[in-house]
Amino acid sequence: MASFIHRALFLVLFSPLSPILFGTHSHVQADDNLIKLQCRNSETPALCIQCINSDPGAPQADKVGIAAIVIHCLRSHSRILASNMTKMASREDDEKLRSAYQSCSKGFLKAVKYLSKVVSVLKMGDYDKANAGVMSALKHELSCGATFEESKRKLPGLVVYEMRVYEALSEAAFRIIDRF
């Protein structure tokens, strides 16, 4: 009976300290710190952190995993932009503008393919190729934006916002990969 009381007393006294003693709490904190460390050099750290925290695997991610999560966010935004451009093209009567929307949509779909390759290249440790892939994907977005600036046509605010997020996440990916 005394043994049972000793064990129960031990559990009651030390269980609140178990995260501190066994490092379980500090492990979660270290992951948050790693995410913040990887994002702090980007121009939009809050957006970078929000992207990473949107992935359920983020708490277990290492540096490469964090970069891969940012690439996944980029791919998602690229798909959204491709879809938006396709919808706008289908509603457009002006042939030049419809063609511009279609070209942008195709570019964003190509960007998805580039970004898919970036994740595998990252995992192989070829960071120069990873950065080149992100740059290739970003060129499609920049080209699309330039097309509409030249034509003096305005894109809908939501599309402009998505494009800015895309650029910011691209920049964050560059900064994270450059730190490897």
C-alpha atoms as a PDB file:
ATOM      1  CA  MET A   1       0.000   0.000   0.000  1.00  0.00           C
ATOM      2  CA  ALA A   2       2.828   2.399   0.841  1.00  0.00           C
ATOM      3  CA  SER A   3       4.317   1.755  -2.595  1.00  0.00           C
ATOM      4  CA  PHE A   4       1.051   2.738  -4.291  1.00  0.00           C
ATOM      5  CA  ILE A   5       0.845   5.952  -2.225  1.00  0.00           C
ATOM      6  CA  HIS A   6       4.451   6.827  -3.085  1.00  0.00           C
ATOM      7  CA  ARG A   7       3.783   6.344  -6.826  1.00  0.00           C
ATOM      8  CA  ALA A   8       0.562   8.361  -6.677  1.00  0.00           C
ATOM      9  CA  LEU A   9       2.291  11.160  -4.745  1.00  0.00           C
ATOM     10  CA  PHE A  10       5.189  11.118  -7.215  1.00  0.00           C
ATOM     11  CA  LEU A  11       2.786  11.436 -10.181  1.00  0.00           C
ATOM     12  CA  VAL A  12       0.849  14.260  -8.563  1.00  0.00           C
ATOM     13  CA  LEU A  13       3.964  16.199  -7.634  1.00  0.00           C
ATOM     14  CA  PHE A  14       5.932  15.732 -10.841  1.00  0.00           C
ATOM     15  CA  SER A  15       3.380  15.416 -13.621  1.00  0.00           C
ATOM     16  CA  PRO A  16       3.114  19.212 -14.142  1.00  0.00           C
ATOM     17  CA  LEU A  17       6.882  19.248 -14.588  1.00  0.00           C
ATOM     18  CA  SER A  18       7.015  16.339 -17.004  1.00  0.00           C
ATOM     19  CA  PRO A  19       7.014  18.545 -20.119  1.00  0.00           C
ATOM     20  CA  ILE A  20       9.938  20.475 -18.698  1.00  0.00           C
ATOM     21  CA  LEU A  21      11.800  17.393 -17.484  1.00  0.00           C
ATOM     22  CA  PHE A  22      11.291  15.342 -20.613  1.00  0.00           C
ATOM     23  CA  GLY A  23      11.446  18.121 -23.156  1.00  0.00           C
ATOM     24  CA  THR A  24       8.056  17.579 -24.733  1.00  0.00           C
ATOM     25  CA  HIS A  25       7.028  21.195 -24.342  1.00  0.00           C
ATOM     26  CA  SER A  26      10.359  22.588 -25.481  1.00  0.00           C
ATOM     27  CA  HIS A  27      10.195  20.411 -28.623  1.00  0.00           C
ATOM     28  CA  VAL A  28       7.037  22.195 -29.791  1.00  0.00           C
ATOM     29  CA  GLN A  29       8.587  25.548 -28.964  1.00  0.00           C
ATOM     30  CA  ALA A  30      11.723  24.658 -30.923  1.00  0.00           C
ATOM     31  CA  ASP A  31       9.555  23.902 -33.978  1.00  0.00           C
ATOM     32  CA  ASP A  32       7.825  27.272 -33.681  1.00  0.00           C
ATOM     33  CA  ASN A  33      11.225  28.886 -33.340  1.00  0.00           C
ATOM     34  CA  LEU A  34      12.524  27.062 -36.427  1.00  0.00           C
ATOM     35  CA  ILE A  35       9.511  28.241 -38.436  1.00  0.00           C
ATOM     36  CA  LYS A  36      10.003  31.818 -37.258  1.00  0.00           C
ATOM     37  CA  LEU A  37      13.735  31.584 -37.946  1.00  0.00           C
ATOM     38  CA  GLN A  38      13.127  30.371 -41.499  1.00  0.00           C
ATOM     39  CA  CYS A  39      10.545  33.084 -42.200  1.00  0.00           C
ATOM     40  CA  ARG A  40      12.105  36.049 -40.458  1.00  0.00           C
ATOM     41  CA  ASN A  41      14.332  36.983 -43.410  1.00  0.00           C
ATOM     42  CA  SER A  42      11.444  37.135 -45.855  1.00  0.00           C
ATOM     43  CA  GLU A  43       9.804  40.442 -46.675  1.00  0.00           C
ATOM     44  CA  THR A  44       6.497  39.133 -45.305  1.00  0.00           C
ATOM     45  CA  PRO A  45       7.305  36.897 -42.332  1.00  0.00           C
ATOM     46  CA  ALA A  46       3.684  36.778 -41.127  1.00  0.00           C
ATOM     47  CA  LEU A  47       2.511  35.436 -44.488  1.00  0.00           C
ATOM     48  CA  CYS A  48       5.334  32.893 -44.534  1.00  0.00           C
ATOM     49  CA  ILE A  49       4.465  31.700 -41.013  1.00  0.00           C
ATOM     50  CA  GLN A  50       0.753  31.571 -41.862  1.00  0.00           C
ATOM     51  CA  CYS A  51       1.505  29.409 -44.908  1.00  0.00           C
ATOM     52  CA  ILE A  52       3.676  26.995 -42.922  1.00  0.00           C
ATOM     53  CA  ASN A  53       1.244  26.751 -40.021  1.00  0.00           C
ATOM     54  CA  SER A  54      -1.551  25.884 -42.458  1.00  0.00           C
ATOM     55  CA  ASP A  55       0.133  22.519 -43.035  1.00  0.00           C
ATOM     56  CA  PRO A  56      -0.604  19.850 -40.408  1.00  0.00           C
ATOM     57  CA  GLY A  57       2.919  18.443 -40.827  1.00  0.00           C
ATOM     58  CA  ALA A  58       4.585  21.733 -39.931  1.00  0.00           C
ATOM     59  CA  PRO A  59       5.376  20.859 -36.292  1.00  0.00           C
ATOM     60  CA  GLN A  60       7.490  17.896 -37.438  1.00  0.00           C
ATOM     61  CA  ALA A  61       9.110  19.652 -40.419  1.00  0.00           C
ATOM     62  CA  ASP A  62      12.826  20.275 -40.693  1.00  0.00           C
ATOM     63  CA  LYS A  63      14.325  23.083 -42.809  1.00  0.00           C
ATOM     64  CA  VAL A  64      13.725  21.252 -46.076  1.00  0.00           C
ATOM     65  CA  GLY A  65      10.215  20.350 -44.961  1.00  0.00           C
ATOM     66  CA  ILE A  66       9.478  23.978 -44.171  1.00  0.00           C
ATOM     67  CA  ALA A  67      10.701  25.016 -47.640  1.00  0.00           C
ATOM     68  CA  ALA A  68       8.548  22.274 -49.177  1.00  0.00           C
ATOM     69  CA  ILE A  69       5.495  23.576 -47.325  1.00  0.00           C
ATOM     70  CA  VAL A  70       6.083  27.072 -48.744  1.00  0.00           C
ATOM     71  CA  ILE A  71       6.401  25.521 -52.219  1.00  0.00           C
ATOM     72  CA  HIS A  72       3.094  23.687 -51.655  1.00  0.00           C
ATOM     73  CA  CYS A  73       1.463  27.023 -50.757  1.00  0.00           C
ATOM     74  CA  LEU A  74       2.897  28.490 -53.957  1.00  0.00           C
ATOM     75  CA  ARG A  75       1.489  25.619 -55.988  1.00  0.00           C
ATOM     76  CA  SER A  76      -1.908  26.154 -54.410  1.00  0.00           C
ATOM     77  CA  HIS A  77      -1.884  29.861 -55.263  1.00  0.00           C
ATOM     78  CA  SER A  78      -0.711  29.050 -58.786  1.00  0.00           C
ATOM     79  CA  ARG A  79      -3.671  26.693 -59.252  1.00  0.00           C
ATOM     80  CA  ILE A  80      -6.066  29.338 -57.927  1.00  0.00           C
ATOM     81  CA  LEU A  81      -4.629  31.933 -60.295  1.00  0.00           C
ATOM     82  CA  ALA A  82      -4.846  29.554 -63.263  1.00  0.00           C
ATOM     83  CA  SER A  83      -8.474  28.851 -62.422  1.00  0.00           C
ATOM     84  CA  ASN A  84      -9.295  32.546 -62.024  1.00  0.00           C
ATOM     85  CA  MET A  85      -7.656  33.390 -65.348  1.00  0.00           C
ATOM     86  CA  THR A  86      -9.562  30.597 -67.102  1.00  0.00           C
ATOM     87  CA  LYS A  87     -12.864  31.864 -65.680  1.00  0.00           C
ATOM     88  CA  MET A  88     -12.108  35.433 -66.723  1.00  0.00           C
ATOM     89  CA  ALA A  89     -11.136  34.280 -70.226  1.00  0.00           C
ATOM     90  CA  SER A  90     -14.427  32.433 -70.596  1.00  0.00           C
ATOM     91  CA  ARG A  91     -16.372  35.613 -69.772  1.00  0.00           C
ATOM     92  CA  GLU A  92     -14.319  37.972 -71.930  1.00  0.00           C
ATOM     93  CA  ASP A  93     -15.585  39.259 -75.298  1.00  0.00           C
ATOM     94  CA  ASP A  94     -12.409  41.132 -76.254  1.00  0.00           C
ATOM     95  CA  GLU A  95     -10.234  38.642 -78.160  1.00  0.00           C
ATOM     96  CA  LYS A  96      -6.902  40.208 -77.076  1.00  0.00           C
ATOM     97  CA  LEU A  97      -7.911  40.229 -73.449  1.00  0.00           C
ATOM     98  CA  ARG A  98      -9.271  36.686 -73.630  1.00  0.00           C
ATOM     99  CA  SER A  99      -5.971  35.571 -75.161  1.00  0.00           C
ATOM    100  CA  ALA A 100      -4.044  37.327 -72.371  1.00  0.00           C
ATOM    101  CA  TYR A 101      -6.120  35.576 -69.707  1.00  0.00           C
ATOM    102  CA  GLN A 102      -5.615  32.221 -71.420  1.00  0.00           C
ATOM    103  CA  SER A 103      -1.872  32.819 -71.685  1.00  0.00           C
ATOM    104  CA  CYS A 104      -1.711  33.670 -67.991  1.00  0.00           C
ATOM    105  CA  SER A 105      -3.692  30.556 -67.117  1.00  0.00           C
ATOM    106  CA  LYS A 106      -1.304  28.360 -69.121  1.00  0.00           C
ATOM    107  CA  GLY A 107       1.645  30.063 -67.448  1.00  0.00           C
ATOM    108  CA  PHE A 108       0.299  29.390 -63.978  1.00  0.00           C
ATOM    109  CA  LEU A 109      -0.314  25.752 -64.886  1.00  0.00           C
ATOM    110  CA  LYS A 110       3.304  25.499 -66.093  1.00  0.00           C
ATOM    111  CA  ALA A 111       4.355  27.069 -62.804  1.00  0.00           C
ATOM    112  CA  VAL A 112       2.556  24.265 -60.947  1.00  0.00           C
ATOM    113  CA  LYS A 113       4.705  21.753 -62.852  1.00  0.00           C
ATOM    114  CA  TYR A 114       7.913  23.648 -62.079  1.00  0.00           C
ATOM    115  CA  LEU A 115       6.990  23.860 -58.421  1.00  0.00           C
ATOM    116  CA  SER A 116       6.219  20.131 -58.278  1.00  0.00           C
ATOM    117  CA  LYS A 117       9.762  19.470 -59.455  1.00  0.00           C
ATOM    118  CA  VAL A 118      11.159  21.928 -56.928  1.00  0.00           C
ATOM    119  CA  VAL A 119       9.946  19.799 -54.013  1.00  0.00           C
ATOM    120  CA  SER A 120      11.710  16.671 -55.311  1.00  0.00           C
ATOM    121  CA  VAL A 121      14.891  18.631 -56.074  1.00  0.00           C
ATOM    122  CA  LEU A 122      14.824  20.113 -52.569  1.00  0.00           C
ATOM    123  CA  LYS A 123      14.616  16.649 -51.042  1.00  0.00           C
ATOM    124  CA  MET A 124      17.651  15.591 -53.106  1.00  0.00           C
ATOM    125  CA  GLY A 125      19.585  18.563 -51.722  1.00  0.00           C
ATOM    126  CA  ASP A 126      20.076  20.444 -54.996  1.00  0.00           C
ATOM    127  CA  TYR A 127      19.217  23.895 -53.696  1.00  0.00           C
ATOM    128  CA  ASP A 128      20.470  25.782 -56.761  1.00  0.00           C
ATOM    129  CA  LYS A 129      18.051  23.836 -58.967  1.00  0.00           C
ATOM    130  CA  ALA A 130      15.306  24.405 -56.414  1.00  0.00           C
ATOM    131  CA  ASN A 131      15.839  28.165 -56.572  1.00  0.00           C
ATOM    132  CA  ALA A 132      15.953  28.032 -60.370  1.00  0.00           C
ATOM    133  CA  GLY A 133      12.623  26.186 -60.382  1.00  0.00           C
ATOM    134  CA  VAL A 134      11.027  28.789 -58.120  1.00  0.00           C
ATOM    135  CA  MET A 135      12.402  31.499 -60.415  1.00  0.00           C
ATOM    136  CA  SER A 136      10.981  29.768 -63.502  1.00  0.00           C
ATOM    137  CA  ALA A 137       7.585  29.569 -61.838  1.00  0.00           C
ATOM    138  CA  LEU A 138       7.741  33.207 -60.753  1.00  0.00           C
ATOM    139  CA  LYS A 139       8.580  34.352 -64.303  1.00  0.00           C
ATOM    140  CA  HIS A 140       5.132  33.222 -65.435  1.00  0.00           C
ATOM    141  CA  GLU A 141       3.450  35.358 -62.795  1.00  0.00           C
ATOM    142  CA  LEU A 142       5.642  38.366 -63.564  1.00  0.00           C
ATOM    143  CA  SER A 143       4.989  37.981 -67.283  1.00  0.00           C
ATOM    144  CA  CYS A 144       1.256  37.822 -66.682  1.00  0.00           C
ATOM    145  CA  GLY A 145       1.327  40.945 -64.538  1.00  0.00           C
ATOM    146  CA  ALA A 146       3.399  42.799 -67.125  1.00  0.00           C
ATOM    147  CA  THR A 147       0.936  41.874 -69.883  1.00  0.00           C
ATOM    148  CA  PHE A 148      -1.899  43.540 -68.029  1.00  0.00           C
ATOM    149  CA  GLU A 149       0.172  46.576 -67.086  1.00  0.00           C
ATOM    150  CA  GLU A 150       1.080  47.102 -70.748  1.00  0.00           C
ATOM    151  CA  SER A 151      -2.526  46.756 -71.874  1.00  0.00           C
ATOM    152  CA  LYS A 152      -3.631  49.244 -69.206  1.00  0.00           C
ATOM    153  CA  ARG A 153      -6.378  46.786 -68.253  1.00  0.00           C
ATOM    154  CA  LYS A 154      -6.998  46.236 -64.597  1.00  0.00           C
ATOM    155  CA  LEU A 155      -7.236  42.827 -63.099  1.00  0.00           C
ATOM    156  CA  PRO A 156      -9.880  42.223 -60.418  1.00  0.00           C
ATOM    157  CA  GLY A 157      -8.687  43.053 -56.908  1.00  0.00           C
ATOM    158  CA  LEU A 158      -8.843  39.443 -55.731  1.00  0.00           C
ATOM    159  CA  VAL A 159      -6.592  38.331 -58.592  1.00  0.00           C
ATOM    160  CA  VAL A 160      -4.128  41.142 -57.896  1.00  0.00           C
ATOM    161  CA  TYR A 161      -4.104  40.099 -54.227  1.00  0.00           C
ATOM    162  CA  GLU A 162      -3.434  36.436 -55.163  1.00  0.00           C
ATOM    163  CA  MET A 163      -0.596  37.565 -57.430  1.00  0.00           C
ATOM    164  CA  ARG A 164       0.963  39.616 -54.632  1.00  0.00           C
ATOM    165  CA  VAL A 165       0.713  36.667 -52.249  1.00  0.00           C
ATOM    166  CA  TYR A 166       2.311  34.498 -54.936  1.00  0.00           C
ATOM    167  CA  GLU A 167       5.218  36.939 -55.292  1.00  0.00           C
ATOM    168  CA  ALA A 168       5.665  37.205 -51.521  1.00  0.00           C
ATOM    169  CA  LEU A 169       5.678  33.423 -51.067  1.00  0.00           C
ATOM    170  CA  SER A 170       8.151  33.083 -53.946  1.00  0.00           C
ATOM    171  CA  GLU A 171      10.436  35.554 -52.226  1.00  0.00           C
ATOM    172  CA  ALA A 172      10.069  33.666 -48.940  1.00  0.00           C
ATOM    173  CA  ALA A 173      10.944  30.406 -50.702  1.00  0.00           C
ATOM    174  CA  PHE A 174      14.082  32.001 -52.182  1.00  0.00           C
ATOM    175  CA  ARG A 175      15.172  33.269 -48.773  1.00  0.00           C
ATOM    176  CA  ILE A 176      14.551  29.945 -47.045  1.00  0.00           C
ATOM    177  CA  ILE A 177      16.367  27.931 -49.721  1.00  0.00           C
ATOM    178  CA  ASP A 178      19.279  30.384 -49.792  1.00  0.00           C
ATOM    179  CA  ARG A 179      19.880  29.714 -46.088  1.00  0.00           C
ATOM    180  CA  PHE A 180      20.621  25.995 -46.615  1.00  0.00           C
END
